[in-house]
Amino acid sequence: MGSKTVVGDPIVVGDSTLIPLISIGADTRGVVDRKQEANKATSQAGAGAGVRTIAIIIVDKDGARIER
């Protein structure tokens, strides 16, 4: 199984809009396993697959940029 990048729902904070880029796939299992130990509410996208935010697109009065 490979991984896939998806765009999450935009989140408006003040005058800025945050758009998460999320990676879903088998290669993110280690990240999810660590999060599960710290927080039992970590979501999973199926057996053996993990979910993690890889970057956020920030759109504000200065334009758009990507932050890792």
PDB file of N, CA and C in Angstrom:
ATOM      1  N   MET A   1       0.848  -1.175   0.000  1.00  0.00           N
ATOM      2  CA  MET A   1       0.000   0.000   0.000  1.00  0.00           C
ATOM      3  C   MET A   1       0.888   1.230   0.000  1.00  0.00           C
ATOM      4  N   GLY A   2       0.610   2.194  -0.824  1.00  0.00           N
ATOM      5  CA  GLY A   2       1.362   3.434  -0.881  1.00  0.00           C
ATOM      6  C   GLY A   2       0.690   4.502  -0.040  1.00  0.00           C
ATOM      7  N   SER A   3       1.187   5.709  -0.142  1.00  0.00           N
ATOM      8  CA  SER A   3       0.562   6.797   0.599  1.00  0.00           C
ATOM      9  C   SER A   3      -0.107   7.752  -0.370  1.00  0.00           C
ATOM     10  N   LYS A   4      -1.022   8.546   0.161  1.00  0.00           N
ATOM     11  CA  LYS A   4      -1.760   9.510  -0.637  1.00  0.00           C
ATOM     12  C   LYS A   4      -1.827  10.805   0.167  1.00  0.00           C
ATOM     13  N   THR A   5      -1.688  11.934  -0.505  1.00  0.00           N
ATOM     14  CA  THR A   5      -1.816  13.229   0.152  1.00  0.00           C
ATOM     15  C   THR A   5      -3.185  13.801  -0.182  1.00  0.00           C
ATOM     16  N   VAL A   6      -3.888  14.249   0.839  1.00  0.00           N
ATOM     17  CA  VAL A   6      -5.204  14.843   0.647  1.00  0.00           C
ATOM     18  C   VAL A   6      -5.220  16.234   1.282  1.00  0.00           C
ATOM     19  N   VAL A   7      -6.149  17.048   0.834  1.00  0.00           N
ATOM     20  CA  VAL A   7      -6.302  18.398   1.358  1.00  0.00           C
ATOM     21  C   VAL A   7      -7.464  18.384   2.338  1.00  0.00           C
ATOM     22  N   GLY A   8      -7.200  18.867   3.564  1.00  0.00           N
ATOM     23  CA  GLY A   8      -8.233  18.900   4.590  1.00  0.00           C
ATOM     24  C   GLY A   8      -9.136  20.118   4.447  1.00  0.00           C
ATOM     25  N   ASP A   9     -10.151  20.176   5.290  1.00  0.00           N
ATOM     26  CA  ASP A   9     -11.086  21.299   5.286  1.00  0.00           C
ATOM     27  C   ASP A   9     -10.382  22.572   5.758  1.00  0.00           C
ATOM     28  N   PRO A  10     -10.665  23.704   5.114  1.00  0.00           N
ATOM     29  CA  PRO A  10     -10.071  24.974   5.543  1.00  0.00           C
ATOM     30  C   PRO A  10     -10.543  25.361   6.945  1.00  0.00           C
ATOM     31  N   ILE A  11      -9.639  25.988   7.700  1.00  0.00           N
ATOM     32  CA  ILE A  11      -9.937  26.457   9.050  1.00  0.00           C
ATOM     33  C   ILE A  11      -9.662  27.960   9.061  1.00  0.00           C
ATOM     34  N   VAL A  12     -10.672  28.755   9.412  1.00  0.00           N
ATOM     35  CA  VAL A  12     -10.513  30.204   9.449  1.00  0.00           C
ATOM     36  C   VAL A  12     -10.156  30.615  10.872  1.00  0.00           C
ATOM     37  N   VAL A  13      -9.033  31.356  10.993  1.00  0.00           N
ATOM     38  CA  VAL A  13      -8.576  31.871  12.277  1.00  0.00           C
ATOM     39  C   VAL A  13      -8.312  33.360  12.087  1.00  0.00           C
ATOM     40  N   GLY A  14      -9.203  34.191  12.619  1.00  0.00           N
ATOM     41  CA  GLY A  14      -9.065  35.630  12.420  1.00  0.00           C
ATOM     42  C   GLY A  14      -9.141  35.966  10.942  1.00  0.00           C
ATOM     43  N   ASP A  15      -8.106  36.647  10.434  1.00  0.00           N
ATOM     44  CA  ASP A  15      -8.047  37.029   9.018  1.00  0.00           C
ATOM     45  C   ASP A  15      -7.283  36.023   8.167  1.00  0.00           C
ATOM     46  N   SER A  16      -6.923  34.884   8.753  1.00  0.00           N
ATOM     47  CA  SER A  16      -6.146  33.863   8.044  1.00  0.00           C
ATOM     48  C   SER A  16      -6.974  32.614   7.812  1.00  0.00           C
ATOM     49  N   THR A  17      -6.645  31.904   6.728  1.00  0.00           N
ATOM     50  CA  THR A  17      -7.254  30.604   6.450  1.00  0.00           C
ATOM     51  C   THR A  17      -6.135  29.564   6.428  1.00  0.00           C
ATOM     52  N   LEU A  18      -6.308  28.487   7.195  1.00  0.00           N
ATOM     53  CA  LEU A  18      -5.341  27.401   7.269  1.00  0.00           C
ATOM     54  C   LEU A  18      -5.925  26.192   6.556  1.00  0.00           C
ATOM     55  N   ILE A  19      -5.129  25.605   5.650  1.00  0.00           N
ATOM     56  CA  ILE A  19      -5.580  24.440   4.897  1.00  0.00           C
ATOM     57  C   ILE A  19      -4.562  23.322   5.118  1.00  0.00           C
ATOM     58  N   PRO A  20      -4.935  22.263   5.864  1.00  0.00           N
ATOM     59  CA  PRO A  20      -3.979  21.187   6.134  1.00  0.00           C
ATOM     60  C   PRO A  20      -3.784  20.259   4.939  1.00  0.00           C
ATOM     61  N   LEU A  21      -2.541  19.827   4.727  1.00  0.00           N
ATOM     62  CA  LEU A  21      -2.214  18.777   3.763  1.00  0.00           C
ATOM     63  C   LEU A  21      -1.921  17.540   4.588  1.00  0.00           C
ATOM     64  N   ILE A  22      -2.645  16.473   4.331  1.00  0.00           N
ATOM     65  CA  ILE A  22      -2.601  15.276   5.164  1.00  0.00           C
ATOM     66  C   ILE A  22      -2.094  14.096   4.355  1.00  0.00           C
ATOM     67  N   SER A  23      -1.181  13.326   4.944  1.00  0.00           N
ATOM     68  CA  SER A  23      -0.668  12.117   4.307  1.00  0.00           C
ATOM     69  C   SER A  23      -1.365  10.919   4.920  1.00  0.00           C
ATOM     70  N   ILE A  24      -1.854  10.039   4.055  1.00  0.00           N
ATOM     71  CA  ILE A  24      -2.509   8.811   4.495  1.00  0.00           C
ATOM     72  C   ILE A  24      -1.779   7.650   3.846  1.00  0.00           C
ATOM     73  N   GLY A  25      -1.302   6.701   4.637  1.00  0.00           N
ATOM     74  CA  GLY A  25      -0.635   5.557   4.051  1.00  0.00           C
ATOM     75  C   GLY A  25       0.166   4.759   5.048  1.00  0.00           C
ATOM     76  N   ALA A  26       0.673   3.633   4.587  1.00  0.00           N
ATOM     77  CA  ALA A  26       1.406   2.703   5.440  1.00  0.00           C
ATOM     78  C   ALA A  26       2.700   3.298   5.965  1.00  0.00           C
ATOM     79  N   ASP A  27       3.306   4.233   5.234  1.00  0.00           N
ATOM     80  CA  ASP A  27       4.591   4.766   5.644  1.00  0.00           C
ATOM     81  C   ASP A  27       4.497   5.739   6.812  1.00  0.00           C
ATOM     82  N   THR A  28       3.296   6.020   7.328  1.00  0.00           N
ATOM     83  CA  THR A  28       3.139   6.941   8.453  1.00  0.00           C
ATOM     84  C   THR A  28       2.802   6.214   9.755  1.00  0.00           C
ATOM     85  N   ARG A  29       2.868   4.886   9.763  1.00  0.00           N
ATOM     86  CA  ARG A  29       2.485   4.127  10.955  1.00  0.00           C
ATOM     87  C   ARG A  29       3.252   4.523  12.197  1.00  0.00           C
ATOM     88  N   GLY A  30       4.542   4.755  12.102  1.00  0.00           N
ATOM     89  CA  GLY A  30       5.337   5.111  13.274  1.00  0.00           C
ATOM     90  C   GLY A  30       4.843   6.383  13.930  1.00  0.00           C
ATOM     91  N   VAL A  31       4.440   7.363  13.127  1.00  0.00           N
ATOM     92  CA  VAL A  31       3.928   8.618  13.665  1.00  0.00           C
ATOM     93  C   VAL A  31       2.633   8.357  14.409  1.00  0.00           C
ATOM     94  N   VAL A  32       1.739   7.594  13.812  1.00  0.00           N
ATOM     95  CA  VAL A  32       0.456   7.313  14.453  1.00  0.00           C
ATOM     96  C   VAL A  32       0.665   6.509  15.737  1.00  0.00           C
ATOM     97  N   ASP A  33       1.564   5.520  15.717  1.00  0.00           N
ATOM     98  CA  ASP A  33       1.821   4.724  16.915  1.00  0.00           C
ATOM     99  C   ASP A  33       2.274   5.606  18.073  1.00  0.00           C
ATOM    100  N   ARG A  34       3.159   6.560  17.818  1.00  0.00           N
ATOM    101  CA  ARG A  34       3.621   7.460  18.880  1.00  0.00           C
ATOM    102  C   ARG A  34       2.485   8.335  19.380  1.00  0.00           C
ATOM    103  N   LYS A  35       1.645   8.826  18.470  1.00  0.00           N
ATOM    104  CA  LYS A  35       0.521   9.655  18.883  1.00  0.00           C
ATOM    105  C   LYS A  35      -0.482   8.850  19.701  1.00  0.00           C
ATOM    106  N   GLN A  36      -0.694   7.593  19.349  1.00  0.00           N
ATOM    107  CA  GLN A  36      -1.633   6.764  20.091  1.00  0.00           C
ATOM    108  C   GLN A  36      -1.169   6.565  21.518  1.00  0.00           C
ATOM    109  N   GLU A  37       0.111   6.428  21.724  1.00  0.00           N
ATOM    110  CA  GLU A  37       0.629   6.275  23.074  1.00  0.00           C
ATOM    111  C   GLU A  37       0.365   7.530  23.893  1.00  0.00           C
ATOM    112  N   ALA A  38       0.492   8.704  23.249  1.00  0.00           N
ATOM    113  CA  ALA A  38       0.301   9.968  23.947  1.00  0.00           C
ATOM    114  C   ALA A  38      -1.173  10.362  24.019  1.00  0.00           C
ATOM    115  N   ASN A  39      -1.953   9.939  23.024  1.00  0.00           N
ATOM    116  CA  ASN A  39      -3.351  10.357  22.952  1.00  0.00           C
ATOM    117  C   ASN A  39      -4.174   9.269  22.281  1.00  0.00           C
ATOM    118  N   LYS A  40      -5.043   8.627  23.018  1.00  0.00           N
ATOM    119  CA  LYS A  40      -5.831   7.506  22.495  1.00  0.00           C
ATOM    120  C   LYS A  40      -6.826   7.939  21.417  1.00  0.00           C
ATOM    121  N   ALA A  41      -7.010   9.230  21.216  1.00  0.00           N
ATOM    122  CA  ALA A  41      -7.981   9.710  20.237  1.00  0.00           C
ATOM    123  C   ALA A  41      -7.407   9.815  18.826  1.00  0.00           C
ATOM    124  N   THR A  42      -6.177   9.403  18.616  1.00  0.00           N
ATOM    125  CA  THR A  42      -5.575   9.481  17.284  1.00  0.00           C
ATOM    126  C   THR A  42      -6.406   8.654  16.307  1.00  0.00           C
ATOM    127  N   SER A  43      -6.723   9.250  15.155  1.00  0.00           N
ATOM    128  CA  SER A  43      -7.537   8.517  14.181  1.00  0.00           C
ATOM    129  C   SER A  43      -6.654   7.682  13.274  1.00  0.00           C
ATOM    130  N   GLN A  44      -7.261   6.634  12.705  1.00  0.00           N
ATOM    131  CA  GLN A  44      -6.567   5.789  11.743  1.00  0.00           C
ATOM    132  C   GLN A  44      -7.421   5.641  10.500  1.00  0.00           C
ATOM    133  N   ALA A  45      -6.775   5.433   9.385  1.00  0.00           N
ATOM    134  CA  ALA A  45      -7.480   5.315   8.104  1.00  0.00           C
ATOM    135  C   ALA A  45      -7.484   3.865   7.634  1.00  0.00           C
ATOM    136  N   GLY A  46      -7.740   2.931   8.522  1.00  0.00           N
ATOM    137  CA  GLY A  46      -7.777   1.526   8.142  1.00  0.00           C
ATOM    138  C   GLY A  46      -6.682   0.742   8.820  1.00  0.00           C
ATOM    139  N   ALA A  47      -6.723  -0.557   8.683  1.00  0.00           N
ATOM    140  CA  ALA A  47      -5.760  -1.432   9.345  1.00  0.00           C
ATOM    141  C   ALA A  47      -4.351  -1.172   8.850  1.00  0.00           C
ATOM    142  N   GLY A  48      -3.471  -0.834   9.754  1.00  0.00           N
ATOM    143  CA  GLY A  48      -2.071  -0.636   9.415  1.00  0.00           C
ATOM    144  C   GLY A  48      -1.746   0.671   8.726  1.00  0.00           C
ATOM    145  N   ALA A  49      -2.733   1.507   8.483  1.00  0.00           N
ATOM    146  CA  ALA A  49      -2.475   2.771   7.805  1.00  0.00           C
ATOM    147  C   ALA A  49      -2.463   3.899   8.823  1.00  0.00           C
ATOM    148  N   GLY A  50      -1.707   4.956   8.523  1.00  0.00           N
ATOM    149  CA  GLY A  50      -1.622   6.085   9.430  1.00  0.00           C
ATOM    150  C   GLY A  50      -2.033   7.373   8.771  1.00  0.00           C
ATOM    151  N   VAL A  51      -2.299   8.372   9.606  1.00  0.00           N
ATOM    152  CA  VAL A  51      -2.717   9.681   9.144  1.00  0.00           C
ATOM    153  C   VAL A  51      -1.854  10.716   9.851  1.00  0.00           C
ATOM    154  N   ARG A  52      -1.306  11.673   9.083  1.00  0.00           N
ATOM    155  CA  ARG A  52      -0.555  12.751   9.727  1.00  0.00           C
ATOM    156  C   ARG A  52      -0.613  14.001   8.865  1.00  0.00           C
ATOM    157  N   THR A  53      -0.560  15.162   9.520  1.00  0.00           N
ATOM    158  CA  THR A  53      -0.495  16.429   8.806  1.00  0.00           C
ATOM    159  C   THR A  53       0.948  16.647   8.384  1.00  0.00           C
ATOM    160  N   ILE A  54       1.174  16.879   7.091  1.00  0.00           N
ATOM    161  CA  ILE A  54       2.543  17.058   6.604  1.00  0.00           C
ATOM    162  C   ILE A  54       2.889  18.519   6.351  1.00  0.00           C
ATOM    163  N   ALA A  55       1.880  19.362   6.148  1.00  0.00           N
ATOM    164  CA  ALA A  55       2.109  20.783   5.929  1.00  0.00           C
ATOM    165  C   ALA A  55       0.778  21.508   6.067  1.00  0.00           C
ATOM    166  N   ILE A  56       0.878  22.837   6.181  1.00  0.00           N
ATOM    167  CA  ILE A  56      -0.316  23.666   6.237  1.00  0.00           C
ATOM    168  C   ILE A  56      -0.134  24.818   5.257  1.00  0.00           C
ATOM    169  N   ILE A  57      -1.146  25.042   4.433  1.00  0.00           N
ATOM    170  CA  ILE A  57      -1.160  26.203   3.551  1.00  0.00           C
ATOM    171  C   ILE A  57      -1.806  27.336   4.350  1.00  0.00           C
ATOM    172  N   ILE A  58      -1.119  28.466   4.429  1.00  0.00           N
ATOM    173  CA  ILE A  58      -1.636  29.624   5.157  1.00  0.00           C
ATOM    174  C   ILE A  58      -1.938  30.717   4.136  1.00  0.00           C
ATOM    175  N   VAL A  59      -3.188  31.174   4.138  1.00  0.00           N
ATOM    176  CA  VAL A  59      -3.605  32.254   3.247  1.00  0.00           C
ATOM    177  C   VAL A  59      -4.014  33.422   4.134  1.00  0.00           C
ATOM    178  N   ASP A  60      -3.333  34.564   3.961  1.00  0.00           N
ATOM    179  CA  ASP A  60      -3.661  35.756   4.740  1.00  0.00           C
ATOM    180  C   ASP A  60      -3.485  37.004   3.885  1.00  0.00           C
ATOM    181  N   LYS A  61      -3.492  38.164   4.514  1.00  0.00           N
ATOM    182  CA  LYS A  61      -3.400  39.429   3.769  1.00  0.00           C
ATOM    183  C   LYS A  61      -2.099  39.557   2.984  1.00  0.00           C
ATOM    184  N   ASP A  62      -1.077  38.819   3.363  1.00  0.00           N
ATOM    185  CA  ASP A  62       0.222  38.875   2.680  1.00  0.00           C
ATOM    186  C   ASP A  62       0.325  37.899   1.518  1.00  0.00           C
ATOM    187  N   GLY A  63      -0.675  37.048   1.321  1.00  0.00           N
ATOM    188  CA  GLY A  63      -0.652  36.058   0.250  1.00  0.00           C
ATOM    189  C   GLY A  63      -0.785  34.652   0.804  1.00  0.00           C
ATOM    190  N   ALA A  64      -0.185  33.689   0.093  1.00  0.00           N
ATOM    191  CA  ALA A  64      -0.261  32.285   0.498  1.00  0.00           C
ATOM    192  C   ALA A  64       1.149  31.728   0.661  1.00  0.00           C
ATOM    193  N   ARG A  65       1.303  30.828   1.660  1.00  0.00           N
ATOM    194  CA  ARG A  65       2.580  30.169   1.876  1.00  0.00           C
ATOM    195  C   ARG A  65       2.335  28.796   2.473  1.00  0.00           C
ATOM    196  N   ILE A  66       3.342  27.938   2.363  1.00  0.00           N
ATOM    197  CA  ILE A  66       3.253  26.594   2.933  1.00  0.00           C
ATOM    198  C   ILE A  66       4.239  26.487   4.082  1.00  0.00           C
ATOM    199  N   GLU A  67       3.754  25.989   5.237  1.00  0.00           N
ATOM    200  CA  GLU A  67       4.600  25.754   6.407  1.00  0.00           C
ATOM    201  C   GLU A  67       4.577  24.256   6.703  1.00  0.00           C
ATOM    202  N   ARG A  68       5.753  23.686   6.955  1.00  0.00           N
ATOM    203  CA  ARG A  68       5.832  22.272   7.308  1.00  0.00           C
ATOM    204  C   ARG A  68       5.559  22.077   8.771  1.00  0.00           C
TER     205      ARG A  68
END
